[in-house]
């Protein structure tokens, strides 16, 4: 079976509004596609994702739809803008809803997310990219995802500047190299774990 990657755009912009976060996400997914990985994405704000920490909060909650797509993929890309030095509130809600995984750990100690790879990606016009990556990586690892080696991709413009990532004439070399590296490592790791899953926890 071919591997798949699913991207979550955690922008605050709904619909088809231009999004630098989408630009970054699209580049990461395109890099993964170079490794014969099928890709898809969704803009989380376009779904009615209710606050909570269960797999389904009921009453029209659309998180279960997104969760199914996450669980069906071998690679998850979480892309977020920086807001006041932190991930967007949408990205935080994604982490909160993924907390339900901790209640689904099997008797053998295996999380349902074991063997799945996660890539965070960040854009913004203020400092904080490393801090945001740290928050996303910690949250994703806590719920069982594996982070591939290499610097997660990010771009930050001049502090309080007016240039957005989506408006750049070309992707900066370092950003392009980082995307290429993390995509290659993620694809390699996803295939390794598909063939050799984490073992049951002994004792």
Foldseek 3Di string as FASTA:
>chain_A
DAAEEEEEQAEPDDDPPDDLLVVLVVLLRVLLVVVVYHYYYDHQNNFQADADAACDPDPRHPSVVVVVVVLVHQEYEYTAEADPLEGDVSLVRVLRNLNNQVVVQDPLRHGSNFLHAYAYEYEEAADRPVVHVVVNVVSVVVSHHDYFDADGAYYYHHHVDDDGNVNDPDDDPVNSVRSNVRSVRNSVSSVVCVVPPDDGHDD
